[in-house]
Amino acid sequence: MPRDPQSPAPARPEPPGPPSTGLPSDAPPLLSVHAAVVFLAAGFIGFIMGGLVFLSETSVPKAVAAGLGSFGLSVPVLHKLIG
């Protein structure tokens, strides 16, 4: 805050402010809350499905494929449901 030219100089100078990073302080978030909730729920569904397939088949590649597939299929469904 600039000081009034008529006021006396302060006895102790004010410390410099934080360095400017060049970014605006109110930058938009990387993901909206809606997208974050959809991806988090889809990740949870994929993790659960992959774990269930692993427990039944004891095959890591099948479990990963099932988890990724259920993640990919649940994203558009959750996007429409959580709208």
PDB file of N, CA and C in Angstrom:
ATOM      1  N   MET A   1       0.854  -1.155   0.000  1.00  0.00           N
ATOM      2  CA  MET A   1       0.000   0.000   0.000  1.00  0.00           C
ATOM      3  C   MET A   1       0.908   1.227   0.000  1.00  0.00           C
ATOM      4  N   PRO A   2       0.766   2.127  -0.947  1.00  0.00           N
ATOM      5  CA  PRO A   2       1.637   3.310  -0.978  1.00  0.00           C
ATOM      6  C   PRO A   2       1.299   4.234   0.184  1.00  0.00           C
ATOM      7  N   ARG A   3       2.332   4.869   0.711  1.00  0.00           N
ATOM      8  CA  ARG A   3       2.117   5.761   1.847  1.00  0.00           C
ATOM      9  C   ARG A   3       1.798   7.160   1.353  1.00  0.00           C
ATOM     10  N   ASP A   4       1.144   7.916   2.200  1.00  0.00           N
ATOM     11  CA  ASP A   4       0.780   9.301   1.884  1.00  0.00           C
ATOM     12  C   ASP A   4       2.054  10.140   1.828  1.00  0.00           C
ATOM     13  N   PRO A   5       2.242  10.949   0.794  1.00  0.00           N
ATOM     14  CA  PRO A   5       3.486  11.752   0.717  1.00  0.00           C
ATOM     15  C   PRO A   5       3.618  12.762   1.847  1.00  0.00           C
ATOM     16  N   GLN A   6       2.524  13.123   2.516  1.00  0.00           N
ATOM     17  CA  GLN A   6       2.587  14.098   3.599  1.00  0.00           C
ATOM     18  C   GLN A   6       2.966  13.463   4.939  1.00  0.00           C
ATOM     19  N   SER A   7       2.875  12.141   5.054  1.00  0.00           N
ATOM     20  CA  SER A   7       3.177  11.485   6.322  1.00  0.00           C
ATOM     21  C   SER A   7       4.685  11.278   6.441  1.00  0.00           C
ATOM     22  N   PRO A   8       5.207  11.212   7.663  1.00  0.00           N
ATOM     23  CA  PRO A   8       6.653  11.008   7.825  1.00  0.00           C
ATOM     24  C   PRO A   8       7.037   9.583   7.421  1.00  0.00           C
ATOM     25  N   ALA A   9       8.288   9.398   7.086  1.00  0.00           N
ATOM     26  CA  ALA A   9       8.787   8.086   6.683  1.00  0.00           C
ATOM     27  C   ALA A   9       8.766   7.155   7.883  1.00  0.00           C
ATOM     28  N   PRO A  10       8.459   5.890   7.686  1.00  0.00           N
ATOM     29  CA  PRO A  10       8.436   4.961   8.816  1.00  0.00           C
ATOM     30  C   PRO A  10       9.838   4.737   9.361  1.00  0.00           C
ATOM     31  N   ALA A  11       9.915   4.464  10.686  1.00  0.00           N
ATOM     32  CA  ALA A  11      11.208   4.245  11.319  1.00  0.00           C
ATOM     33  C   ALA A  11      11.840   2.955  10.798  1.00  0.00           C
ATOM     34  N   ARG A  12      11.029   1.961  10.531  1.00  0.00           N
ATOM     35  CA  ARG A  12      11.509   0.684  10.030  1.00  0.00           C
ATOM     36  C   ARG A  12      10.892   0.467   8.648  1.00  0.00           C
ATOM     37  N   PRO A  13      11.682   0.204   7.611  1.00  0.00           N
ATOM     38  CA  PRO A  13      11.076  -0.001   6.290  1.00  0.00           C
ATOM     39  C   PRO A  13      10.259  -1.285   6.259  1.00  0.00           C
ATOM     40  N   GLU A  14       9.225  -1.298   5.430  1.00  0.00           N
ATOM     41  CA  GLU A  14       8.383  -2.486   5.303  1.00  0.00           C
ATOM     42  C   GLU A  14       9.149  -3.580   4.574  1.00  0.00           C
ATOM     43  N   PRO A  15       8.992  -4.838   5.016  1.00  0.00           N
ATOM     44  CA  PRO A  15       9.679  -5.932   4.324  1.00  0.00           C
ATOM     45  C   PRO A  15       9.086  -6.115   2.928  1.00  0.00           C
ATOM     46  N   PRO A  16       9.898  -6.577   2.005  1.00  0.00           N
ATOM     47  CA  PRO A  16       9.362  -6.786   0.658  1.00  0.00           C
ATOM     48  C   PRO A  16       8.319  -7.898   0.662  1.00  0.00           C
ATOM     49  N   GLY A  17       7.381  -7.805  -0.256  1.00  0.00           N
ATOM     50  CA  GLY A  17       6.322  -8.810  -0.358  1.00  0.00           C
ATOM     51  C   GLY A  17       6.867 -10.097  -0.944  1.00  0.00           C
ATOM     52  N   PRO A  18       6.018 -11.118  -1.022  1.00  0.00           N
ATOM     53  CA  PRO A  18       6.474 -12.389  -1.602  1.00  0.00           C
ATOM     54  C   PRO A  18       6.794 -12.206  -3.083  1.00  0.00           C
ATOM     55  N   PRO A  19       7.737 -12.979  -3.580  1.00  0.00           N
ATOM     56  CA  PRO A  19       8.095 -12.825  -4.980  1.00  0.00           C
ATOM     57  C   PRO A  19       6.922 -13.217  -5.876  1.00  0.00           C
ATOM     58  N   SER A  20       6.777 -12.502  -6.957  1.00  0.00           N
ATOM     59  CA  SER A  20       5.688 -12.756  -7.889  1.00  0.00           C
ATOM     60  C   SER A  20       6.053 -13.923  -8.798  1.00  0.00           C
ATOM     61  N   THR A  21       5.121 -14.853  -8.956  1.00  0.00           N
ATOM     62  CA  THR A  21       5.365 -16.003  -9.814  1.00  0.00           C
ATOM     63  C   THR A  21       4.861 -15.770 -11.229  1.00  0.00           C
ATOM     64  N   GLY A  22       4.156 -14.688 -11.447  1.00  0.00           N
ATOM     65  CA  GLY A  22       3.641 -14.396 -12.766  1.00  0.00           C
ATOM     66  C   GLY A  22       2.282 -15.024 -13.029  1.00  0.00           C
ATOM     67  N   LEU A  23       1.798 -15.849 -12.095  1.00  0.00           N
ATOM     68  CA  LEU A  23       0.495 -16.475 -12.259  1.00  0.00           C
ATOM     69  C   LEU A  23      -0.556 -15.659 -11.528  1.00  0.00           C
ATOM     70  N   PRO A  24      -1.757 -15.580 -12.081  1.00  0.00           N
ATOM     71  CA  PRO A  24      -2.801 -14.876 -11.336  1.00  0.00           C
ATOM     72  C   PRO A  24      -3.171 -15.644 -10.078  1.00  0.00           C
ATOM     73  N   SER A  25      -3.544 -14.940  -9.047  1.00  0.00           N
ATOM     74  CA  SER A  25      -3.832 -15.588  -7.765  1.00  0.00           C
ATOM     75  C   SER A  25      -5.113 -16.410  -7.811  1.00  0.00           C
ATOM     76  N   ASP A  26      -6.014 -16.055  -8.684  1.00  0.00           N
ATOM     77  CA  ASP A  26      -7.270 -16.807  -8.767  1.00  0.00           C
ATOM     78  C   ASP A  26      -7.300 -17.631 -10.054  1.00  0.00           C
ATOM     79  N   ALA A  27      -6.285 -18.455 -10.240  1.00  0.00           N
ATOM     80  CA  ALA A  27      -6.206 -19.313 -11.418  1.00  0.00           C
ATOM     81  C   ALA A  27      -7.280 -20.390 -11.326  1.00  0.00           C
ATOM     82  N   PRO A  28      -7.859 -20.764 -12.451  1.00  0.00           N
ATOM     83  CA  PRO A  28      -8.890 -21.810 -12.399  1.00  0.00           C
ATOM     84  C   PRO A  28      -8.276 -23.152 -12.025  1.00  0.00           C
ATOM     85  N   PRO A  29      -9.030 -24.026 -11.390  1.00  0.00           N
ATOM     86  CA  PRO A  29      -8.484 -25.326 -10.989  1.00  0.00           C
ATOM     87  C   PRO A  29      -8.222 -26.210 -12.202  1.00  0.00           C
ATOM     88  N   LEU A  30      -7.367 -27.190 -12.018  1.00  0.00           N
ATOM     89  CA  LEU A  30      -7.040 -28.114 -13.102  1.00  0.00           C
ATOM     90  C   LEU A  30      -8.256 -28.944 -13.490  1.00  0.00           C
ATOM     91  N   LEU A  31      -9.002 -29.422 -12.502  1.00  0.00           N
ATOM     92  CA  LEU A  31     -10.226 -30.192 -12.733  1.00  0.00           C
ATOM     93  C   LEU A  31     -11.362 -29.553 -11.957  1.00  0.00           C
ATOM     94  N   SER A  32     -12.549 -29.642 -12.524  1.00  0.00           N
ATOM     95  CA  SER A  32     -13.711 -29.178 -11.772  1.00  0.00           C
ATOM     96  C   SER A  32     -14.037 -30.218 -10.694  1.00  0.00           C
ATOM     97  N   VAL A  33     -14.870 -29.838  -9.776  1.00  0.00           N
ATOM     98  CA  VAL A  33     -15.264 -30.759  -8.706  1.00  0.00           C
ATOM     99  C   VAL A  33     -16.023 -31.942  -9.304  1.00  0.00           C
ATOM    100  N   HIS A  34     -16.848 -31.675 -10.295  1.00  0.00           N
ATOM    101  CA  HIS A  34     -17.614 -32.740 -10.951  1.00  0.00           C
ATOM    102  C   HIS A  34     -16.678 -33.766 -11.576  1.00  0.00           C
ATOM    103  N   ALA A  35     -15.673 -33.304 -12.312  1.00  0.00           N
ATOM    104  CA  ALA A  35     -14.737 -34.224 -12.960  1.00  0.00           C
ATOM    105  C   ALA A  35     -13.933 -35.002 -11.925  1.00  0.00           C
ATOM    106  N   ALA A  36     -13.531 -34.353 -10.852  1.00  0.00           N
ATOM    107  CA  ALA A  36     -12.763 -35.041  -9.821  1.00  0.00           C
ATOM    108  C   ALA A  36     -13.590 -36.142  -9.155  1.00  0.00           C
ATOM    109  N   VAL A  37     -14.863 -35.868  -8.897  1.00  0.00           N
ATOM    110  CA  VAL A  37     -15.726 -36.873  -8.275  1.00  0.00           C
ATOM    111  C   VAL A  37     -15.953 -38.038  -9.225  1.00  0.00           C
ATOM    112  N   VAL A  38     -16.167 -37.738 -10.510  1.00  0.00           N
ATOM    113  CA  VAL A  38     -16.385 -38.798 -11.498  1.00  0.00           C
ATOM    114  C   VAL A  38     -15.149 -39.685 -11.603  1.00  0.00           C
ATOM    115  N   PHE A  39     -13.971 -39.096 -11.725  1.00  0.00           N
ATOM    116  CA  PHE A  39     -12.744 -39.890 -11.855  1.00  0.00           C
ATOM    117  C   PHE A  39     -12.438 -40.675 -10.578  1.00  0.00           C
ATOM    118  N   LEU A  40     -12.704 -40.078  -9.434  1.00  0.00           N
ATOM    119  CA  LEU A  40     -12.460 -40.780  -8.173  1.00  0.00           C
ATOM    120  C   LEU A  40     -13.395 -41.976  -8.028  1.00  0.00           C
ATOM    121  N   ALA A  41     -14.661 -41.787  -8.349  1.00  0.00           N
ATOM    122  CA  ALA A  41     -15.613 -42.898  -8.257  1.00  0.00           C
ATOM    123  C   ALA A  41     -15.295 -43.977  -9.284  1.00  0.00           C
ATOM    124  N   ALA A  42     -14.913 -43.579 -10.500  1.00  0.00           N
ATOM    125  CA  ALA A  42     -14.563 -44.559 -11.532  1.00  0.00           C
ATOM    126  C   ALA A  42     -13.297 -45.320 -11.140  1.00  0.00           C
ATOM    127  N   GLY A  43     -12.343 -44.636 -10.529  1.00  0.00           N
ATOM    128  CA  GLY A  43     -11.138 -45.320 -10.056  1.00  0.00           C
ATOM    129  C   GLY A  43     -11.445 -46.319  -8.961  1.00  0.00           C
ATOM    130  N   PHE A  44     -12.344 -45.962  -8.081  1.00  0.00           N
ATOM    131  CA  PHE A  44     -12.757 -46.881  -7.017  1.00  0.00           C
ATOM    132  C   PHE A  44     -13.440 -48.113  -7.610  1.00  0.00           C
ATOM    133  N   ILE A  45     -14.329 -47.909  -8.569  1.00  0.00           N
ATOM    134  CA  ILE A  45     -15.009 -49.032  -9.223  1.00  0.00           C
ATOM    135  C   ILE A  45     -14.005 -49.914  -9.942  1.00  0.00           C
ATOM    136  N   GLY A  46     -13.058 -49.308 -10.653  1.00  0.00           N
ATOM    137  CA  GLY A  46     -12.039 -50.084 -11.357  1.00  0.00           C
ATOM    138  C   GLY A  46     -11.161 -50.877 -10.405  1.00  0.00           C
ATOM    139  N   PHE A  47     -10.804 -50.266  -9.284  1.00  0.00           N
ATOM    140  CA  PHE A  47      -9.972 -50.955  -8.293  1.00  0.00           C
ATOM    141  C   PHE A  47     -10.710 -52.151  -7.694  1.00  0.00           C
ATOM    142  N   ILE A  48     -11.981 -51.952  -7.370  1.00  0.00           N
ATOM    143  CA  ILE A  48     -12.775 -53.038  -6.792  1.00  0.00           C
ATOM    144  C   ILE A  48     -12.947 -54.172  -7.810  1.00  0.00           C
ATOM    145  N   MET A  49     -13.264 -53.841  -9.048  1.00  0.00           N
ATOM    146  CA  MET A  49     -13.460 -54.880 -10.067  1.00  0.00           C
ATOM    147  C   MET A  49     -12.156 -55.628 -10.347  1.00  0.00           C
ATOM    148  N   GLY A  50     -11.048 -54.904 -10.423  1.00  0.00           N
ATOM    149  CA  GLY A  50      -9.761 -55.559 -10.623  1.00  0.00           C
ATOM    150  C   GLY A  50      -9.409 -56.476  -9.471  1.00  0.00           C
ATOM    151  N   GLY A  51      -9.691 -56.040  -8.267  1.00  0.00           N
ATOM    152  CA  GLY A  51      -9.427 -56.885  -7.099  1.00  0.00           C
ATOM    153  C   GLY A  51     -10.282 -58.131  -7.071  1.00  0.00           C
ATOM    154  N   LEU A  52     -11.542 -57.988  -7.441  1.00  0.00           N
ATOM    155  CA  LEU A  52     -12.424 -59.154  -7.474  1.00  0.00           C
ATOM    156  C   LEU A  52     -12.000 -60.152  -8.547  1.00  0.00           C
ATOM    157  N   VAL A  53     -11.595 -59.647  -9.701  1.00  0.00           N
ATOM    158  CA  VAL A  53     -11.139 -60.554 -10.764  1.00  0.00           C
ATOM    159  C   VAL A  53      -9.844 -61.235 -10.341  1.00  0.00           C
ATOM    160  N   PHE A  54      -8.968 -60.504  -9.682  1.00  0.00           N
ATOM    161  CA  PHE A  54      -7.722 -61.120  -9.229  1.00  0.00           C
ATOM    162  C   PHE A  54      -7.995 -62.212  -8.198  1.00  0.00           C
ATOM    163  N   LEU A  55      -8.931 -61.966  -7.311  1.00  0.00           N
ATOM    164  CA  LEU A  55      -9.249 -62.978  -6.298  1.00  0.00           C
ATOM    165  C   LEU A  55      -9.881 -64.228  -6.918  1.00  0.00           C
ATOM    166  N   SER A  56     -10.604 -64.065  -8.003  1.00  0.00           N
ATOM    167  CA  SER A  56     -11.253 -65.233  -8.602  1.00  0.00           C
ATOM    168  C   SER A  56     -10.365 -65.937  -9.620  1.00  0.00           C
ATOM    169  N   GLU A  57      -9.553 -65.196 -10.375  1.00  0.00           N
ATOM    170  CA  GLU A  57      -8.737 -65.784 -11.440  1.00  0.00           C
ATOM    171  C   GLU A  57      -7.262 -65.930 -11.065  1.00  0.00           C
ATOM    172  N   THR A  58      -6.796 -65.195 -10.068  1.00  0.00           N
ATOM    173  CA  THR A  58      -5.376 -65.112  -9.667  1.00  0.00           C
ATOM    174  C   THR A  58      -4.468 -64.830 -10.856  1.00  0.00           C
ATOM    175  N   SER A  59      -4.925 -63.964 -11.737  1.00  0.00           N
ATOM    176  CA  SER A  59      -4.148 -63.546 -12.899  1.00  0.00           C
ATOM    177  C   SER A  59      -4.067 -62.026 -12.898  1.00  0.00           C
ATOM    178  N   VAL A  60      -2.836 -61.508 -12.821  1.00  0.00           N
ATOM    179  CA  VAL A  60      -2.656 -60.058 -12.785  1.00  0.00           C
ATOM    180  C   VAL A  60      -3.079 -59.398 -14.097  1.00  0.00           C
ATOM    181  N   PRO A  61      -2.703 -59.933 -15.270  1.00  0.00           N
ATOM    182  CA  PRO A  61      -3.136 -59.269 -16.503  1.00  0.00           C
ATOM    183  C   PRO A  61      -4.655 -59.205 -16.662  1.00  0.00           C
ATOM    184  N   LYS A  62      -5.352 -60.246 -16.279  1.00  0.00           N
ATOM    185  CA  LYS A  62      -6.815 -60.227 -16.354  1.00  0.00           C
ATOM    186  C   LYS A  62      -7.398 -59.213 -15.383  1.00  0.00           C
ATOM    187  N   ALA A  63      -6.800 -59.116 -14.207  1.00  0.00           N
ATOM    188  CA  ALA A  63      -7.288 -58.168 -13.205  1.00  0.00           C
ATOM    189  C   ALA A  63      -7.066 -56.734 -13.662  1.00  0.00           C
ATOM    190  N   VAL A  64      -5.906 -56.454 -14.242  1.00  0.00           N
ATOM    191  CA  VAL A  64      -5.622 -55.101 -14.740  1.00  0.00           C
ATOM    192  C   VAL A  64      -6.561 -54.761 -15.888  1.00  0.00           C
ATOM    193  N   ALA A  65      -6.772 -55.720 -16.804  1.00  0.00           N
ATOM    194  CA  ALA A  65      -7.683 -55.474 -17.927  1.00  0.00           C
ATOM    195  C   ALA A  65      -9.108 -55.234 -17.438  1.00  0.00           C
ATOM    196  N   ALA A  66      -9.541 -55.990 -16.462  1.00  0.00           N
ATOM    197  CA  ALA A  66     -10.892 -55.800 -15.931  1.00  0.00           C
ATOM    198  C   ALA A  66     -11.011 -54.457 -15.210  1.00  0.00           C
ATOM    199  N   GLY A  67      -9.989 -54.086 -14.448  1.00  0.00           N
ATOM    200  CA  GLY A  67     -10.023 -52.803 -13.741  1.00  0.00           C
ATOM    201  C   GLY A  67     -10.027 -51.630 -14.688  1.00  0.00           C
ATOM    202  N   LEU A  68      -9.159 -51.661 -15.716  1.00  0.00           N
ATOM    203  CA  LEU A  68      -9.121 -50.566 -16.685  1.00  0.00           C
ATOM    204  C   LEU A  68     -10.392 -50.516 -17.513  1.00  0.00           C
ATOM    205  N   GLY A  69     -10.915 -51.696 -17.857  1.00  0.00           N
ATOM    206  CA  GLY A  69     -12.155 -51.720 -18.624  1.00  0.00           C
ATOM    207  C   GLY A  69     -13.336 -51.173 -17.845  1.00  0.00           C
ATOM    208  N   SER A  70     -13.434 -51.549 -16.593  1.00  0.00           N
ATOM    209  CA  SER A  70     -14.548 -51.041 -15.792  1.00  0.00           C
ATOM    210  C   SER A  70     -14.375 -49.552 -15.488  1.00  0.00           C
ATOM    211  N   PHE A  71     -13.140 -49.089 -15.365  1.00  0.00           N
ATOM    212  CA  PHE A  71     -12.900 -47.651 -15.196  1.00  0.00           C
ATOM    213  C   PHE A  71     -13.383 -46.902 -16.432  1.00  0.00           C
ATOM    214  N   GLY A  72     -12.968 -47.381 -17.599  1.00  0.00           N
ATOM    215  CA  GLY A  72     -13.340 -46.712 -18.845  1.00  0.00           C
ATOM    216  C   GLY A  72     -14.829 -46.735 -19.116  1.00  0.00           C
ATOM    217  N   LEU A  73     -15.489 -47.819 -18.758  1.00  0.00           N
ATOM    218  CA  LEU A  73     -16.929 -47.895 -18.989  1.00  0.00           C
ATOM    219  C   LEU A  73     -17.733 -47.105 -17.959  1.00  0.00           C
ATOM    220  N   SER A  74     -17.190 -46.948 -16.768  1.00  0.00           N
ATOM    221  CA  SER A  74     -17.956 -46.254 -15.732  1.00  0.00           C
ATOM    222  C   SER A  74     -17.827 -44.731 -15.816  1.00  0.00           C
ATOM    223  N   VAL A  75     -16.802 -44.216 -16.488  1.00  0.00           N
ATOM    224  CA  VAL A  75     -16.649 -42.750 -16.572  1.00  0.00           C
ATOM    225  C   VAL A  75     -17.842 -42.095 -17.281  1.00  0.00           C
ATOM    226  N   PRO A  76     -18.238 -42.535 -18.486  1.00  0.00           N
ATOM    227  CA  PRO A  76     -19.389 -41.871 -19.115  1.00  0.00           C
ATOM    228  C   PRO A  76     -20.702 -42.088 -18.355  1.00  0.00           C
ATOM    229  N   VAL A  77     -20.866 -43.259 -17.750  1.00  0.00           N
ATOM    230  CA  VAL A  77     -22.093 -43.513 -16.987  1.00  0.00           C
ATOM    231  C   VAL A  77     -22.154 -42.604 -15.764  1.00  0.00           C
ATOM    232  N   LEU A  78     -21.037 -42.492 -15.051  1.00  0.00           N
ATOM    233  CA  LEU A  78     -21.017 -41.622 -13.869  1.00  0.00           C
ATOM    234  C   LEU A  78     -21.149 -40.158 -14.253  1.00  0.00           C
ATOM    235  N   HIS A  79     -20.610 -39.788 -15.405  1.00  0.00           N
ATOM    236  CA  HIS A  79     -20.729 -38.405 -15.864  1.00  0.00           C
ATOM    237  C   HIS A  79     -22.199 -38.024 -16.056  1.00  0.00           C
ATOM    238  N   LYS A  80     -22.982 -38.967 -16.582  1.00  0.00           N
ATOM    239  CA  LYS A  80     -24.406 -38.680 -16.770  1.00  0.00           C
ATOM    240  C   LYS A  80     -25.182 -38.778 -15.458  1.00  0.00           C
ATOM    241  N   LEU A  81     -24.795 -39.720 -14.589  1.00  0.00           N
ATOM    242  CA  LEU A  81     -25.528 -39.879 -13.322  1.00  0.00           C
ATOM    243  C   LEU A  81     -25.245 -38.753 -12.348  1.00  0.00           C
ATOM    244  N   ILE A  82     -23.978 -38.319 -12.281  1.00  0.00           N
ATOM    245  CA  ILE A  82     -23.599 -37.254 -11.354  1.00  0.00           C
ATOM    246  C   ILE A  82     -23.588 -35.942 -12.143  1.00  0.00           C
ATOM    247  N   GLY A  83     -24.688 -35.500 -12.550  1.00  0.00           N
ATOM    248  CA  GLY A  83     -24.737 -34.326 -13.419  1.00  0.00           C
ATOM    249  C   GLY A  83     -25.349 -33.199 -12.757  1.00  0.00           C
TER     250      GLY A  83
END
